[in-house]
């Protein structure tokens, strides 16, 4: 094996990468493509396949305490902290074939390329399939990356799915060790740097015809579980003035949060709010809804907004909810702060693109990513590539092989550049 230096270059094999993408897409709920929920049978089967692919690329593989699948190539320098890449392979319901997935398979392809070119980095190289990046049945997103940096709280571990399983039990089912999660799996300084390849999940790169995005920062995300309780009654014999309709209360909240998020947006403050999950009981066409459970999600690049949003919203609608004879109970389920990526890593990604003759754009992201949590312990950055019409979290999510090739090549070149850096200035 040769030791990498600044003069080493390697080209990736896009055909092999694309075959892996096609193979992994086969692990899906046949009735709802493309659906591979964390902790599902399809997810377990995909993890077995990923393990085999990592091993074929020369990586040694293990599952860490947080349920993350980790592959590792050793470096030439004893005791050096690893350069890490990765993303996630779970999906939302009826999701796409590329969100997160290209970031994991990119790491495997980079390892495979280094191995077959006889290149050994100075630093170890690690590829991670982070557990349950998408919001799970437990109401918590980025489970694996939170666990890695010590931000998966006991309250989160105790959250239950509709079936009654705790998140702690679910992590154990994939080979994790939740009893060890009272502390970080990786602390500051234990990872040299982190880089994640991802589709943009928005329209900017495609519309501007720019092949590479160098991501500067990510929004923070806060989620609340909200239960509005009324009273079930006959839909035909209960006059409108006598009803305690919980779904009407839900509509009050949904309209209020829509107006509040719009009002808070400025040139510098980005705020969006979504209610995308509802459970209505008794959920019958001839009964007044007795209760509604919903998940309220708020995203912003301002911590101050995330900290105050829920309390302000619930206080604002309290009188209107009470006037309908309803009660509202809300609890914060998860909270992730906005993340600012290391400027040296952002610049390095742009340089890697330029050296390949690709135009790049420095840009923020309104999505949440595992890189947000890794940025708390290591200099981090993300590479974005365009996706068709900016569509994501839907079956129509699509990219072209040439777009992926450019993003993957820039990610590999960035890893080679990162390997030449002994340490980062604060």
Protein backbone atom coordinates (compact mmCIF):
# COMPACT_ATOMS: atom_id res chain seq x y z
CA UNK A 1 0.00 0.00 0.00
CA UNK A 2 1.27 3.49 -0.79
CA UNK A 3 0.79 6.33 1.65
CA UNK A 4 -1.25 9.18 0.28
CA UNK A 5 0.17 12.66 -0.19
CA UNK A 6 -0.89 15.79 -2.03
CA UNK A 7 0.11 14.38 -5.42
CA UNK A 8 -2.09 11.28 -5.17
CA UNK A 9 -5.34 11.25 -7.14
CA UNK A 10 -7.90 8.56 -7.82
CA UNK A 11 -11.01 8.36 -9.98
CA UNK A 12 -14.15 6.70 -8.72
CA UNK A 13 -16.07 3.93 -10.49
CA UNK A 14 -19.53 5.40 -11.14
CA UNK A 15 -20.83 2.19 -12.74
CA UNK A 16 -20.10 0.21 -9.57
CA UNK A 17 -21.60 2.95 -7.41
CA UNK A 18 -24.76 3.03 -9.54
CA UNK A 19 -25.15 -0.75 -9.36
CA UNK A 20 -24.99 -0.55 -5.58
CA UNK A 21 -27.67 2.14 -5.61
CA UNK A 22 -29.93 -0.04 -7.73
CA UNK A 23 -29.31 -3.07 -5.51
CA UNK A 24 -30.02 -1.18 -2.28
CA UNK A 25 -33.26 0.24 -3.68
CA UNK A 26 -34.55 -3.33 -3.83
CA UNK A 27 -34.81 -3.40 -0.04
CA UNK A 28 -38.19 -1.68 0.15
CA UNK A 29 -41.76 -2.24 1.20
CA UNK A 30 -43.12 -3.67 -2.06
CA UNK A 31 -46.46 -1.96 -1.54
CA UNK A 32 -44.99 1.49 -0.81
CA UNK A 33 -41.82 2.13 -2.78
CA UNK A 34 -39.48 3.55 -1.78
CA UNK A 35 -40.03 2.80 1.90
CA UNK A 36 -37.33 1.39 4.19
CA UNK A 37 -38.15 2.49 7.71
CA UNK A 38 -35.57 2.16 10.47
CA UNK A 39 -36.02 -1.04 12.49
CA UNK A 40 -38.16 -2.69 9.77
CA UNK A 41 -37.48 -6.07 8.16
CA UNK A 42 -36.31 -4.31 4.99
CA UNK A 43 -33.94 -2.18 7.05
CA UNK A 44 -32.41 -5.25 8.74
CA UNK A 45 -31.97 -6.97 5.36
CA UNK A 46 -30.35 -3.84 3.91
CA UNK A 47 -27.95 -3.68 6.86
CA UNK A 48 -26.79 -7.25 6.13
CA UNK A 49 -26.22 -6.31 2.48
CA UNK A 50 -24.36 -3.13 3.48
CA UNK A 51 -22.09 -5.15 5.76
CA UNK A 52 -21.15 -7.37 2.83
CA UNK A 53 -20.49 -4.36 0.58
CA UNK A 54 -18.28 -2.74 3.22
CA UNK A 55 -16.28 -5.92 3.61
CA UNK A 56 -15.86 -6.25 -0.17
CA UNK A 57 -14.46 -2.70 -0.18
CA UNK A 58 -11.82 -3.70 2.39
CA UNK A 59 -13.49 -2.22 5.47
CA UNK A 60 -13.68 -3.95 8.84
CA UNK A 61 -17.22 -3.64 10.17
CA UNK A 62 -18.91 -3.31 13.55
CA UNK A 63 -22.09 -1.89 15.10
CA UNK A 64 -21.42 0.74 17.76
CA UNK A 65 -23.38 1.38 20.96
CA UNK A 66 -25.79 3.71 19.15
CA UNK A 67 -26.72 1.13 16.52
CA UNK A 68 -24.61 2.75 13.79
CA UNK A 69 -23.01 0.47 11.20
CA UNK A 70 -19.33 1.46 10.99
CA UNK A 71 -16.74 0.36 8.44
CA UNK A 72 -13.05 1.23 8.87
CA UNK A 73 -9.85 1.30 6.83
CA UNK A 74 -6.73 1.67 8.95
CA UNK A 75 -4.39 4.59 8.28
CA UNK A 76 -0.61 4.77 8.14
CA UNK A 77 -0.16 6.99 11.20
CA UNK A 78 -0.56 5.16 14.52
CA UNK A 79 -3.10 6.77 16.81
CA UNK A 80 -4.40 9.24 14.23
CA UNK A 81 -8.06 10.20 14.50
CA UNK A 82 -10.20 8.96 11.60
CA UNK A 83 -11.60 10.92 8.70
CA UNK A 84 -15.28 9.98 8.68
CA UNK A 85 -17.99 10.02 6.05
CA UNK A 86 -21.49 8.61 5.89
CA UNK A 87 -25.18 9.32 6.06
CA UNK A 88 -28.28 7.11 6.43
CA UNK A 89 -30.16 4.39 4.55
CA UNK A 90 -33.55 4.60 6.26
CA UNK A 91 -36.30 6.48 4.44
CA UNK A 92 -39.53 8.31 5.12
CA UNK A 93 -42.73 6.56 4.05
CA UNK A 94 -43.01 6.61 0.25
CA UNK A 95 -39.59 8.23 0.04
CA UNK A 96 -36.81 8.20 -2.53
CA UNK A 97 -33.81 6.14 -3.56
CA UNK A 98 -31.08 8.75 -3.01
CA UNK A 99 -31.72 10.81 0.15
CA UNK A 100 -29.00 9.78 2.59
CA UNK A 101 -28.31 6.61 0.67
CA UNK A 102 -25.77 8.15 -1.70
CA UNK A 103 -23.76 9.37 1.31
CA UNK A 104 -23.35 5.88 2.73
CA UNK A 105 -22.63 4.22 -0.61
CA UNK A 106 -20.22 7.05 -1.49
CA UNK A 107 -18.15 6.14 1.55
CA UNK A 108 -18.08 2.50 0.49
CA UNK A 109 -17.09 3.46 -3.06
CA UNK A 110 -14.33 5.76 -1.79
CA UNK A 111 -12.96 2.95 0.39
CA UNK A 112 -13.18 0.54 -2.54
CA UNK A 113 -11.36 3.03 -4.79
CA UNK A 114 -8.58 3.61 -2.27
CA UNK A 115 -8.14 -0.13 -1.75
CA UNK A 116 -7.99 -1.05 -5.43
CA UNK A 117 -5.57 1.83 -6.16
CA UNK A 118 -3.31 0.68 -3.34
CA UNK A 119 -3.70 3.99 -1.51
CA UNK A 120 -3.47 4.15 2.26
CA UNK A 121 -4.40 7.39 3.97
CA UNK A 122 -2.39 8.79 6.84
CA UNK A 123 -5.59 8.80 8.89
CA UNK A 124 -7.98 5.91 9.33
CA UNK A 125 -11.05 6.23 7.09
CA UNK A 126 -14.48 5.39 8.47
CA UNK A 127 -17.82 4.97 6.71
CA UNK A 128 -20.99 5.16 8.82
CA UNK A 129 -24.59 4.21 8.16
CA UNK A 130 -26.15 6.31 10.92
CA UNK A 131 -29.20 4.78 12.55
CA UNK A 132 -32.64 6.30 11.93
CA UNK A 133 -31.83 9.75 10.59
CA UNK A 134 -35.43 10.21 9.51
CA UNK A 135 -38.06 10.87 12.21
CA UNK A 136 -38.96 7.41 13.47
CA UNK A 137 -42.02 5.95 15.18
CA UNK A 138 -40.45 7.31 18.37
CA UNK A 139 -40.61 10.94 17.22
CA UNK A 140 -36.81 11.30 17.29
CA UNK A 141 -34.62 11.93 14.25
CA UNK A 142 -30.84 11.48 13.83
CA UNK A 143 -30.86 8.74 16.46
CA UNK A 144 -27.44 7.34 15.57
CA UNK A 145 -25.60 10.62 15.16
CA UNK A 146 -27.12 11.99 18.37
CA UNK A 147 -25.94 8.85 20.15
CA UNK A 148 -22.46 9.13 18.67
CA UNK A 149 -21.89 12.60 20.14
CA UNK A 150 -23.70 12.00 23.44
CA UNK A 151 -26.93 13.89 22.68
CA UNK A 152 -29.45 11.05 22.83
CA UNK A 153 -31.09 11.79 26.17
CA UNK A 154 -32.70 9.32 28.59
CA UNK A 155 -36.03 10.95 27.76
CA UNK A 156 -35.50 10.20 24.07
CA UNK A 157 -34.48 6.61 24.81
CA UNK A 158 -37.70 6.17 26.79
CA UNK A 159 -39.94 7.36 23.93
CA UNK A 160 -42.35 4.65 22.81
CA UNK A 161 -43.58 3.67 19.36
CA UNK A 162 -47.31 3.14 18.75
CA UNK A 163 -46.62 -0.57 19.31
CA UNK A 164 -45.23 0.14 22.79
CA UNK A 165 -41.54 -0.51 22.06
CA UNK A 166 -39.07 1.96 23.57
CA UNK A 167 -36.36 3.56 21.47
CA UNK A 168 -33.82 1.92 23.77
CA UNK A 169 -35.25 -1.51 22.91
CA UNK A 170 -35.22 -0.69 19.20
CA UNK A 171 -31.54 0.33 19.32
CA UNK A 172 -30.74 -2.94 21.06
CA UNK A 173 -32.57 -4.85 18.31
CA UNK A 174 -30.06 -3.62 15.69
CA UNK A 175 -27.05 -4.58 17.80
CA UNK A 176 -26.62 -1.33 19.73
CA UNK A 177 -25.92 -1.08 23.44
CA UNK A 178 -28.23 1.62 24.80
CA UNK A 179 -27.04 1.14 28.38
CA UNK A 180 -23.71 2.67 27.28
CA UNK A 181 -25.33 5.82 25.87
CA UNK A 182 -25.04 7.88 29.02
CA UNK A 183 -21.83 9.21 27.47
CA UNK A 184 -20.65 10.08 23.97
CA UNK A 185 -19.39 7.28 21.75
CA UNK A 186 -16.98 9.78 20.15
CA UNK A 187 -15.84 12.91 21.96
CA UNK A 188 -14.28 16.12 20.62
CA UNK A 189 -10.96 15.35 18.93
CA UNK A 190 -11.73 11.66 18.44
CA UNK A 191 -12.72 12.29 14.81
CA UNK A 192 -10.33 14.23 12.57
CA UNK A 193 -13.07 15.53 10.24
CA UNK A 194 -16.43 14.58 8.77
CA UNK A 195 -17.82 15.01 5.26
CA UNK A 196 -21.23 13.97 3.92
CA UNK A 197 -22.41 13.72 0.31
CA UNK A 198 -26.15 14.37 -0.13
CA UNK A 199 -28.74 15.45 -2.66
CA UNK A 200 -29.74 19.08 -2.20
CA UNK A 201 -33.45 18.28 -1.63
CA UNK A 202 -34.23 21.68 -3.12
CA UNK A 203 -34.23 23.38 -6.54
CA UNK A 204 -31.34 25.85 -6.37
CA UNK A 205 -28.47 23.86 -7.90
CA UNK A 206 -30.59 22.50 -10.73
CA UNK A 207 -32.10 25.89 -11.60
CA UNK A 208 -28.72 27.62 -11.50
CA UNK A 209 -27.10 24.72 -13.39
CA UNK A 210 -24.41 24.36 -10.74
CA UNK A 211 -23.18 20.79 -10.13
CA UNK A 212 -21.76 21.16 -6.60
CA UNK A 213 -22.98 22.82 -3.43
CA UNK A 214 -20.57 23.47 -0.55
CA UNK A 215 -22.89 23.67 2.45
CA UNK A 216 -22.21 26.42 4.97
CA UNK A 217 -24.82 25.75 7.67
CA UNK A 218 -27.91 23.74 8.64
CA UNK A 219 -31.14 24.70 10.36
CA UNK A 220 -32.02 23.48 13.84
CA UNK A 221 -35.13 21.37 14.32
CA UNK A 222 -37.55 21.12 17.24
CA UNK A 223 -40.46 18.67 17.42
CA UNK A 224 -43.41 18.64 19.80
CA UNK A 225 -45.94 15.91 20.47
CA UNK A 226 -49.31 17.64 20.86
CA UNK A 227 -52.52 15.99 22.07
CA UNK A 228 -55.82 17.86 21.80
CA UNK A 229 -58.66 16.24 23.72
CA UNK A 230 -62.37 16.79 23.23
CA UNK A 231 -65.33 14.44 23.38
CA UNK A 232 -66.66 11.78 21.00
CA UNK A 233 -70.33 12.22 20.13
CA UNK A 234 -72.77 11.22 17.42
CA UNK A 235 -72.08 13.30 14.32
CA UNK A 236 -75.74 13.55 13.38
CA UNK A 237 -77.43 14.23 16.69
CA UNK A 238 -74.90 16.61 18.28
CA UNK A 239 -75.59 20.25 17.29
CA UNK A 240 -72.58 22.31 16.23
CA UNK A 241 -72.71 24.53 19.32
CA UNK A 242 -72.60 21.48 21.64
CA UNK A 243 -69.53 19.83 20.15
CA UNK A 244 -66.06 19.37 21.57
CA UNK A 245 -64.34 18.57 18.28
CA UNK A 246 -60.65 17.77 18.77
CA UNK A 247 -59.95 17.92 15.04
CA UNK A 248 -61.29 21.47 14.98
CA UNK A 249 -58.74 22.23 17.71
CA UNK A 250 -56.02 20.70 15.56
CA UNK A 251 -57.02 22.98 12.69
CA UNK A 252 -56.75 25.99 15.01
CA UNK A 253 -53.17 25.01 15.85
CA UNK A 254 -52.24 24.26 12.23
CA UNK A 255 -53.50 27.62 10.98
CA UNK A 256 -51.84 29.46 13.86
CA UNK A 257 -48.43 27.85 13.36
CA UNK A 258 -48.60 28.52 9.62
CA UNK A 259 -49.23 32.22 10.26
CA UNK A 260 -46.59 32.43 12.99
CA UNK A 261 -43.83 30.86 10.88
CA UNK A 262 -44.61 33.18 7.98
CA UNK A 263 -44.51 36.22 10.28
CA UNK A 264 -41.13 35.27 11.78
CA UNK A 265 -39.31 34.98 8.44
CA UNK A 266 -36.92 37.84 7.64
CA UNK A 267 -33.93 38.35 5.36
CA UNK A 268 -31.72 36.71 7.98
CA UNK A 269 -34.12 34.45 9.91
CA UNK A 270 -35.39 31.30 8.20
CA UNK A 271 -38.45 29.73 9.87
CA UNK A 272 -40.74 26.91 8.69
CA UNK A 273 -43.37 24.95 10.60
CA UNK A 274 -45.10 21.71 9.65
CA UNK A 275 -47.75 19.40 11.06
CA UNK A 276 -47.28 16.27 8.96
CA UNK A 277 -48.45 13.53 11.32
CA UNK A 278 -51.95 13.19 12.79
CA UNK A 279 -53.74 10.41 14.65
CA UNK A 280 -57.47 11.02 15.02
CA UNK A 281 -59.70 9.02 17.39
CA UNK A 282 -62.14 7.42 16.96
CA UNK A 283 -61.41 8.21 13.28
CA UNK A 284 -64.95 7.48 12.16
CA UNK A 285 -67.05 9.34 9.60
CA UNK A 286 -70.06 9.43 11.94
CA UNK A 287 -68.37 10.45 15.20
CA UNK A 288 -67.12 13.79 16.46
CA UNK A 289 -63.33 13.41 16.95
CA UNK A 290 -62.49 12.83 20.61
CA UNK A 291 -58.73 13.33 20.41
CA UNK A 292 -56.00 14.22 17.98
CA UNK A 293 -52.31 13.45 18.47
CA UNK A 294 -49.96 15.32 16.17
CA UNK A 295 -46.29 16.09 15.66
CA UNK A 296 -45.45 19.77 15.28
CA UNK A 297 -42.06 20.44 13.67
CA UNK A 298 -40.30 23.81 13.65
CA UNK A 299 -37.08 24.53 11.74
CA UNK A 300 -34.97 27.66 11.91
CA UNK A 301 -31.43 28.94 11.64
CA UNK A 302 -32.06 30.92 14.84
CA UNK A 303 -31.78 29.22 18.23
CA UNK A 304 -33.86 31.98 19.80
CA UNK A 305 -36.80 31.08 17.56
CA UNK A 306 -36.56 27.38 18.35
CA UNK A 307 -36.35 28.04 22.09
CA UNK A 308 -39.46 30.23 22.31
CA UNK A 309 -41.67 29.10 19.43
CA UNK A 310 -43.70 26.39 21.14
CA UNK A 311 -44.46 28.25 24.37
CA UNK A 312 -45.52 31.32 22.42
CA UNK A 313 -47.72 29.36 20.03
CA UNK A 314 -49.51 27.34 22.71
CA UNK A 315 -50.15 30.46 24.80
CA UNK A 316 -51.46 32.26 21.72
CA UNK A 317 -54.14 29.64 20.96
CA UNK A 318 -55.01 28.66 24.55
CA UNK A 319 -58.16 30.79 24.79
CA UNK A 320 -59.48 29.69 21.40
CA UNK A 321 -58.87 26.01 22.21
CA UNK A 322 -60.57 26.38 25.61
CA UNK A 323 -63.55 28.16 24.04
CA UNK A 324 -64.23 25.00 22.03
CA UNK A 325 -64.29 22.93 25.23
CA UNK A 326 -60.94 21.34 24.43
CA UNK A 327 -57.67 20.78 26.26
CA UNK A 328 -54.18 20.87 24.77
CA UNK A 329 -51.16 19.00 26.12
CA UNK A 330 -47.77 19.51 24.46
CA UNK A 331 -44.31 18.10 25.16
CA UNK A 332 -40.98 18.67 23.42
CA UNK A 333 -39.83 15.39 21.88
CA UNK A 334 -36.54 16.41 20.29
CA UNK A 335 -34.40 19.48 19.77
CA UNK A 336 -31.41 19.92 17.50
CA UNK A 337 -29.58 23.23 17.35
CA UNK A 338 -28.57 24.93 14.09
CA UNK A 339 -25.13 23.89 12.87
CA UNK A 340 -22.38 25.99 11.31
CA UNK A 341 -19.84 24.03 9.29
CA UNK A 342 -16.10 24.61 9.62
CA UNK A 343 -15.04 27.30 7.10
CA UNK A 344 -11.84 25.43 6.23
CA UNK A 345 -13.82 22.33 5.24
CA UNK A 346 -16.31 24.41 3.23
CA UNK A 347 -13.42 26.08 1.39
CA UNK A 348 -11.68 22.76 0.81
CA UNK A 349 -14.82 21.33 -0.84
CA UNK A 350 -15.03 24.35 -3.13
CA UNK A 351 -11.35 23.97 -4.03
CA UNK A 352 -11.84 20.28 -4.84
CA UNK A 353 -14.69 21.18 -7.20
CA UNK A 354 -12.67 23.92 -8.89
CA UNK A 355 -9.72 21.60 -9.48
CA UNK A 356 -12.05 19.21 -11.32
CA UNK A 357 -13.41 22.07 -13.42
CA UNK A 358 -16.78 22.12 -11.65
CA UNK A 359 -18.57 25.30 -10.61
CA UNK A 360 -19.66 25.26 -6.95
CA UNK A 361 -21.96 27.34 -4.79
CA UNK A 362 -21.72 28.04 -1.08
CA UNK A 363 -25.22 27.51 0.29
CA UNK A 364 -27.20 26.86 3.48
CA UNK A 365 -29.61 23.95 3.93
CA UNK A 366 -33.11 23.90 5.38
CA UNK A 367 -32.93 20.16 5.98
CA UNK A 368 -31.57 18.28 8.97
CA UNK A 369 -28.60 15.97 8.51
CA UNK A 370 -26.34 13.73 10.59
CA UNK A 371 -23.51 16.14 9.81
CA UNK A 372 -25.14 18.65 12.15
CA UNK A 373 -24.30 16.43 15.12
CA UNK A 374 -20.85 15.43 13.91
CA UNK A 375 -20.01 19.14 13.61
CA UNK A 376 -20.18 19.30 17.42
CA UNK A 377 -17.12 17.05 17.76
CA UNK A 378 -15.17 17.51 14.50
CA UNK A 379 -14.63 20.00 11.65
CA UNK A 380 -17.41 19.06 9.23
CA UNK A 381 -18.86 19.85 5.83
CA UNK A 382 -21.33 18.62 3.23
CA UNK A 383 -21.29 18.23 -0.55
CA UNK A 384 -24.63 18.77 -2.30
CA UNK A 385 -25.59 17.61 -5.79
CA UNK A 386 -28.73 18.61 -7.72
CA UNK A 387 -31.89 16.50 -7.76
CA UNK A 388 -34.68 16.62 -10.35
CA UNK A 389 -37.00 19.59 -9.76
CA UNK A 390 -35.69 19.77 -6.19
CA UNK A 391 -38.01 16.90 -5.27
CA UNK A 392 -37.19 14.72 -2.24
CA UNK A 393 -38.98 12.59 0.36
CA UNK A 394 -41.15 11.25 -2.47
CA UNK A 395 -40.93 8.44 -5.06
CA UNK A 396 -40.21 11.05 -7.76
CA UNK A 397 -36.81 11.84 -6.18
CA UNK A 398 -34.28 11.48 -9.02
CA UNK A 399 -30.66 12.16 -9.97
CA UNK A 400 -28.51 11.43 -13.02
CA UNK A 401 -25.36 9.26 -12.90
CA UNK A 402 -23.23 12.17 -14.14
CA UNK A 403 -24.46 14.39 -11.29
CA UNK A 404 -23.60 11.68 -8.79
CA UNK A 405 -20.20 11.09 -10.40
CA UNK A 406 -19.23 14.74 -9.94
CA UNK A 407 -20.39 14.82 -6.32
CA UNK A 408 -18.70 11.55 -5.49
CA UNK A 409 -15.45 12.64 -7.11
CA UNK A 410 -15.44 15.92 -5.18
CA UNK A 411 -16.10 14.00 -1.97
CA UNK A 412 -13.19 11.63 -2.63
CA UNK A 413 -10.89 14.52 -3.56
CA UNK A 414 -11.96 16.32 -0.38
CA UNK A 415 -11.08 13.26 1.70
CA UNK A 416 -7.62 13.22 0.11
CA UNK A 417 -7.21 16.92 0.93
CA UNK A 418 -8.42 16.42 4.51
CA UNK A 419 -5.80 13.70 4.94
CA UNK A 420 -3.03 16.27 4.41
CA UNK A 421 -4.27 18.47 7.28
CA UNK A 422 -2.74 17.69 10.66
CA UNK A 423 -5.16 19.90 12.59
CA UNK A 424 -7.68 22.69 12.19
CA UNK A 425 -7.54 26.22 13.55
CA UNK A 426 -10.45 27.13 15.81
